[in-house]
Amino acid sequence: MVAETTPGPLALVGSGEYLPQMADIEAGLLDGRPPRYVQLATAAVPDGQQVVERWHRLGRVQAERLGVEAVIISVNDRNDANDLALAAQVSGAGLIYLSGGHPAFLADTLRDTAVWTAIEGAWRDGAALAGCSAGAMALTSWVPSLRHPRQGGSKGLGLLGHVRVIPHYDAFASKVPDLLTRFLLPHETSVTIIGIDEDTALVGGPSEWTVMGRQSAWLLTEGGRAEYRSGTTITTPL
């Protein structure tokens, strides 16, 4: 008889991956799980290798701060993402983290690959899975084009088909007046749109989330927005 497993917690992070102010959240995700912290900076690849290496350094420092093993998986393209040896490195993870950069590139690189299959499988077997900024956006079913909103967007990784995430919400909201419309597709009334401030995370999922960090999360509708401060709960119906 095969033992049933329960998916691990999810974290949708507005910004701040690997920084000291987010260490408690990452420690909580690792609590009770193997001390193996798997990190992918794939979303930063379009910004160049120096940026990718910066994320790798920050991730190693955070893992050392938390007293766990850092496992850096370098996935730069779909060939890497289908490398079975790289996919095998996901095994045994306590926490898997997709850091920030370009959400469409991240989703297009990982979708339907061996590495993504390993990540999703590890999460379903109990590992925690976090995405920050681009990483959070890519976990949903659709990633909008921030630069060219009228051109639509790209498919996400589809793990959270019922939500859309606006990271860095406190920074974006004052600069992009039509922010909400960029995250709406026609006739998708079942999708919950969430703004997540910087240094803030939603933890839990897939339908019940706790706001954690120094700022707030926001539920956004065409009629307005509702603020949820740290420590409160947000429901996103499936």
Protein backbone atom coordinates (compact mmCIF):
# COMPACT_ATOMS: atom_id res chain seq x y z
CA MET A 1 0.00 0.00 0.00
CA VAL A 2 1.42 3.38 -1.04
CA ALA A 3 1.30 6.07 1.64
CA GLU A 4 -0.62 9.18 0.67
CA THR A 5 1.30 12.43 0.65
CA THR A 6 0.13 15.97 1.21
CA PRO A 7 1.43 18.90 -0.86
CA GLY A 8 3.70 21.28 0.99
CA PRO A 9 3.01 24.96 1.61
CA LEU A 10 3.27 27.54 -1.13
CA ALA A 11 4.68 31.03 -0.79
CA LEU A 12 3.94 33.91 -3.16
CA VAL A 13 6.43 36.65 -2.39
CA GLY A 14 6.25 40.30 -3.46
CA SER A 15 10.01 40.83 -3.19
CA GLY A 16 12.96 40.18 -0.89
CA GLU A 17 14.03 36.62 -1.65
CA TYR A 18 17.15 35.54 0.25
CA LEU A 19 17.40 38.82 2.19
CA PRO A 20 17.74 38.90 6.01
CA GLN A 21 14.30 40.44 6.50
CA MET A 22 12.70 37.42 4.81
CA ALA A 23 14.76 34.76 6.59
CA ASP A 24 12.04 33.98 9.15
CA ILE A 25 9.54 33.24 6.38
CA GLU A 26 11.99 30.95 4.57
CA ALA A 27 12.88 29.26 7.87
CA GLY A 28 9.18 28.64 8.49
CA LEU A 29 8.82 27.00 5.09
CA LEU A 30 11.74 24.70 5.90
CA ASP A 31 10.52 23.89 9.41
CA GLY A 32 9.93 20.15 9.76
CA ARG A 33 11.29 19.47 6.27
CA PRO A 34 14.68 18.29 5.01
CA PRO A 35 17.40 20.97 5.41
CA ARG A 36 17.89 21.09 1.65
CA TYR A 37 17.18 24.45 0.03
CA VAL A 38 16.85 24.13 -3.77
CA GLN A 39 17.21 27.42 -5.66
CA LEU A 40 16.63 28.37 -9.31
CA ALA A 41 17.53 31.81 -10.67
CA THR A 42 16.25 30.98 -14.15
CA ALA A 43 14.06 34.09 -14.34
CA ALA A 44 17.18 36.28 -14.20
CA VAL A 45 18.92 34.65 -17.18
CA PRO A 46 17.85 37.40 -19.68
CA ASP A 47 19.61 39.95 -17.44
CA GLY A 48 22.99 38.25 -17.87
CA GLN A 49 25.23 35.84 -16.01
CA GLN A 50 26.42 38.42 -13.49
CA VAL A 51 22.85 38.93 -12.29
CA VAL A 52 22.27 35.19 -12.11
CA GLU A 53 25.44 34.74 -10.07
CA ARG A 54 24.32 37.50 -7.72
CA TRP A 55 21.13 35.54 -6.98
CA HIS A 56 23.20 32.41 -6.47
CA ARG A 57 25.42 34.21 -3.95
CA LEU A 58 22.45 35.63 -2.08
CA GLY A 59 20.81 32.21 -1.98
CA ARG A 60 23.92 30.54 -0.60
CA VAL A 61 24.26 33.20 2.09
CA GLN A 62 20.62 32.79 3.10
CA ALA A 63 20.97 29.01 3.29
CA GLU A 64 24.04 29.45 5.49
CA ARG A 65 22.08 31.93 7.64
CA LEU A 66 19.35 29.31 8.06
CA GLY A 67 21.77 26.45 8.67
CA VAL A 68 20.69 24.38 5.67
CA GLU A 69 22.23 23.09 2.45
CA ALA A 70 22.01 25.33 -0.63
CA VAL A 71 21.38 23.41 -3.87
CA ILE A 72 21.82 25.71 -6.87
CA ILE A 73 20.24 24.32 -10.05
CA SER A 74 21.43 26.28 -13.07
CA VAL A 75 18.67 26.14 -15.68
CA ASN A 76 19.43 28.62 -18.45
CA ASP A 77 17.28 27.20 -21.26
CA ARG A 78 14.92 24.36 -22.10
CA ASN A 79 17.82 21.99 -22.82
CA ASP A 80 18.95 22.46 -19.22
CA ALA A 81 15.36 22.13 -18.03
CA ASN A 82 15.10 18.72 -19.68
CA ASP A 83 18.44 17.51 -18.29
CA LEU A 84 17.58 14.51 -16.12
CA ALA A 85 20.69 15.02 -13.99
CA LEU A 86 19.58 18.55 -13.10
CA ALA A 87 16.04 17.37 -12.46
CA ALA A 88 17.38 14.73 -10.07
CA GLN A 89 18.91 17.47 -7.90
CA VAL A 90 15.40 18.51 -6.84
CA SER A 91 14.98 15.22 -4.99
CA GLY A 92 14.94 15.51 -1.22
CA ALA A 93 14.23 19.25 -1.17
CA GLY A 94 12.72 20.84 1.89
CA LEU A 95 12.15 24.16 0.09
CA ILE A 96 12.31 24.97 -3.62
CA TYR A 97 12.58 28.66 -4.53
CA LEU A 98 12.06 30.38 -7.90
CA SER A 99 13.60 33.83 -7.62
CA GLY A 100 12.83 36.99 -9.56
CA GLY A 101 13.46 38.38 -13.02
CA HIS A 102 11.40 37.77 -16.15
CA PRO A 103 8.20 35.76 -15.53
CA ALA A 104 7.44 34.84 -19.14
CA PHE A 105 11.00 33.58 -19.68
CA LEU A 106 10.80 31.51 -16.51
CA ALA A 107 7.47 29.94 -17.45
CA ASP A 108 8.49 29.30 -21.06
CA THR A 109 11.77 27.70 -19.94
CA LEU A 110 10.32 25.35 -17.31
CA ARG A 111 6.88 24.45 -18.70
CA ASP A 112 6.47 20.73 -19.50
CA THR A 113 10.09 19.87 -18.73
CA ALA A 114 11.86 17.32 -16.55
CA VAL A 115 12.93 19.95 -14.01
CA TRP A 116 9.41 21.36 -13.64
CA THR A 117 7.99 17.84 -13.33
CA ALA A 118 10.49 17.18 -10.54
CA ILE A 119 9.62 20.46 -8.80
CA GLU A 120 5.88 19.86 -8.95
CA GLY A 121 6.35 16.28 -7.83
CA ALA A 122 8.48 17.29 -4.85
CA TRP A 123 5.86 19.87 -3.83
CA ARG A 124 3.06 17.32 -4.07
CA ASP A 125 5.16 15.01 -1.89
CA GLY A 126 5.46 17.66 0.83
CA ALA A 127 8.28 20.06 -0.07
CA ALA A 128 7.60 23.77 0.29
CA LEU A 129 7.56 25.76 -2.96
CA ALA A 130 8.12 29.52 -3.12
CA GLY A 131 8.18 32.02 -5.95
CA CYS A 132 9.26 35.62 -5.58
CA SER A 133 8.17 38.35 -7.99
CA ALA A 134 8.60 36.67 -11.40
CA GLY A 135 8.65 33.32 -9.64
CA ALA A 136 5.29 33.99 -8.01
CA MET A 137 3.75 35.22 -11.26
CA ALA A 138 4.98 32.18 -13.19
CA LEU A 139 3.29 29.74 -10.79
CA THR A 140 -0.12 30.94 -12.04
CA SER A 141 -1.78 30.06 -15.35
CA TRP A 142 -1.08 33.33 -17.18
CA VAL A 143 1.72 35.89 -17.15
CA PRO A 144 0.87 39.35 -18.51
CA SER A 145 3.17 41.52 -20.55
CA LEU A 146 3.99 44.50 -18.34
CA ARG A 147 5.73 46.40 -21.13
CA HIS A 148 3.18 45.71 -23.87
CA PRO A 149 -0.19 45.01 -22.21
CA ARG A 150 -2.18 45.13 -25.44
CA GLN A 151 -0.14 42.22 -26.76
CA GLY A 152 -1.59 39.95 -24.11
CA GLY A 153 0.66 37.61 -22.19
CA SER A 154 2.07 34.11 -21.90
CA LYS A 155 1.01 30.87 -20.33
CA GLY A 156 2.27 30.37 -16.81
CA LEU A 157 3.26 27.10 -15.19
CA GLY A 158 -0.37 26.53 -14.22
CA LEU A 159 0.06 25.35 -10.65
CA LEU A 160 -2.33 28.07 -9.42
CA GLY A 161 -4.87 28.55 -12.18
CA HIS A 162 -7.30 30.43 -9.95
CA VAL A 163 -5.07 33.39 -9.00
CA ARG A 164 -2.94 36.09 -10.59
CA VAL A 165 -0.16 37.84 -8.71
CA ILE A 166 1.05 41.43 -8.89
CA PRO A 167 4.38 41.54 -7.01
CA HIS A 168 6.00 44.77 -5.78
CA TYR A 169 2.43 46.02 -5.51
CA ASP A 170 3.26 49.05 -3.36
CA ALA A 171 5.78 50.19 -5.99
CA PHE A 172 3.63 49.40 -9.03
CA ALA A 173 0.31 50.77 -7.85
CA SER A 174 1.36 54.42 -7.88
CA LYS A 175 3.22 54.19 -11.21
CA VAL A 176 0.90 52.11 -13.40
CA PRO A 177 -2.67 53.48 -13.34
CA ASP A 178 -4.10 50.68 -15.49
CA LEU A 179 -2.38 47.96 -13.48
CA LEU A 180 -5.55 45.97 -12.83
CA THR A 181 -6.61 45.77 -16.46
CA ARG A 182 -3.23 44.34 -17.41
CA PHE A 183 -3.98 41.34 -15.21
CA LEU A 184 -7.53 40.71 -16.44
CA LEU A 185 -8.45 38.58 -19.41
CA PRO A 186 -12.00 38.94 -20.77
CA HIS A 187 -14.67 36.84 -19.03
CA GLU A 188 -12.35 35.36 -16.40
CA THR A 189 -14.49 36.20 -13.40
CA SER A 190 -13.29 33.15 -11.43
CA VAL A 191 -9.71 34.42 -11.15
CA THR A 192 -8.62 36.20 -7.95
CA ILE A 193 -6.12 39.01 -8.46
CA ILE A 194 -3.72 39.62 -5.58
CA GLY A 195 -1.28 42.46 -5.10
CA ILE A 196 1.64 41.64 -2.79
CA ASP A 197 3.78 44.44 -1.37
CA GLU A 198 7.55 44.29 -1.19
CA ASP A 199 9.11 42.23 1.63
CA THR A 200 5.73 40.51 2.03
CA ALA A 201 4.48 37.01 1.27
CA LEU A 202 1.32 34.95 1.10
CA VAL A 203 2.01 31.57 2.68
CA GLY A 204 -0.20 28.48 2.62
CA GLY A 205 -2.44 27.86 -0.36
CA PRO A 206 -3.83 26.87 -2.63
CA SER A 207 -6.99 28.50 -1.28
CA GLU A 208 -6.17 29.75 2.25
CA TRP A 209 -3.22 32.10 2.70
CA THR A 210 -1.62 33.96 5.58
CA VAL A 211 -0.04 37.35 4.95
CA MET A 212 3.49 37.48 6.33
CA GLY A 213 6.18 40.17 6.25
CA ARG A 214 6.43 43.89 6.86
CA GLN A 215 3.63 45.16 4.59
CA SER A 216 0.29 44.05 3.14
CA ALA A 217 -1.41 42.02 0.46
CA TRP A 218 -4.42 43.27 -1.52
CA LEU A 219 -7.43 41.67 -3.13
CA LEU A 220 -8.20 43.60 -6.31
CA THR A 221 -11.49 43.81 -8.17
CA GLU A 222 -12.93 46.17 -10.74
CA GLY A 223 -14.81 47.76 -7.83
CA GLY A 224 -11.75 48.54 -5.74
CA ARG A 225 -9.23 46.91 -3.45
CA ALA A 226 -9.15 45.44 0.06
CA GLU A 227 -6.03 45.49 2.23
CA TYR A 228 -4.89 42.51 4.29
CA ARG A 229 -2.14 43.26 6.78
CA SER A 230 0.50 40.88 8.07
CA GLY A 231 -1.04 38.11 10.16
CA THR A 232 -4.42 38.14 8.43
CA THR A 233 -5.87 35.50 6.13
CA ILE A 234 -6.90 35.70 2.47
CA THR A 235 -9.17 33.18 0.75
CA THR A 236 -8.81 32.55 -2.99
CA PRO A 237 -11.66 30.21 -4.06
CA LEU A 238 -10.60 27.32 -6.25
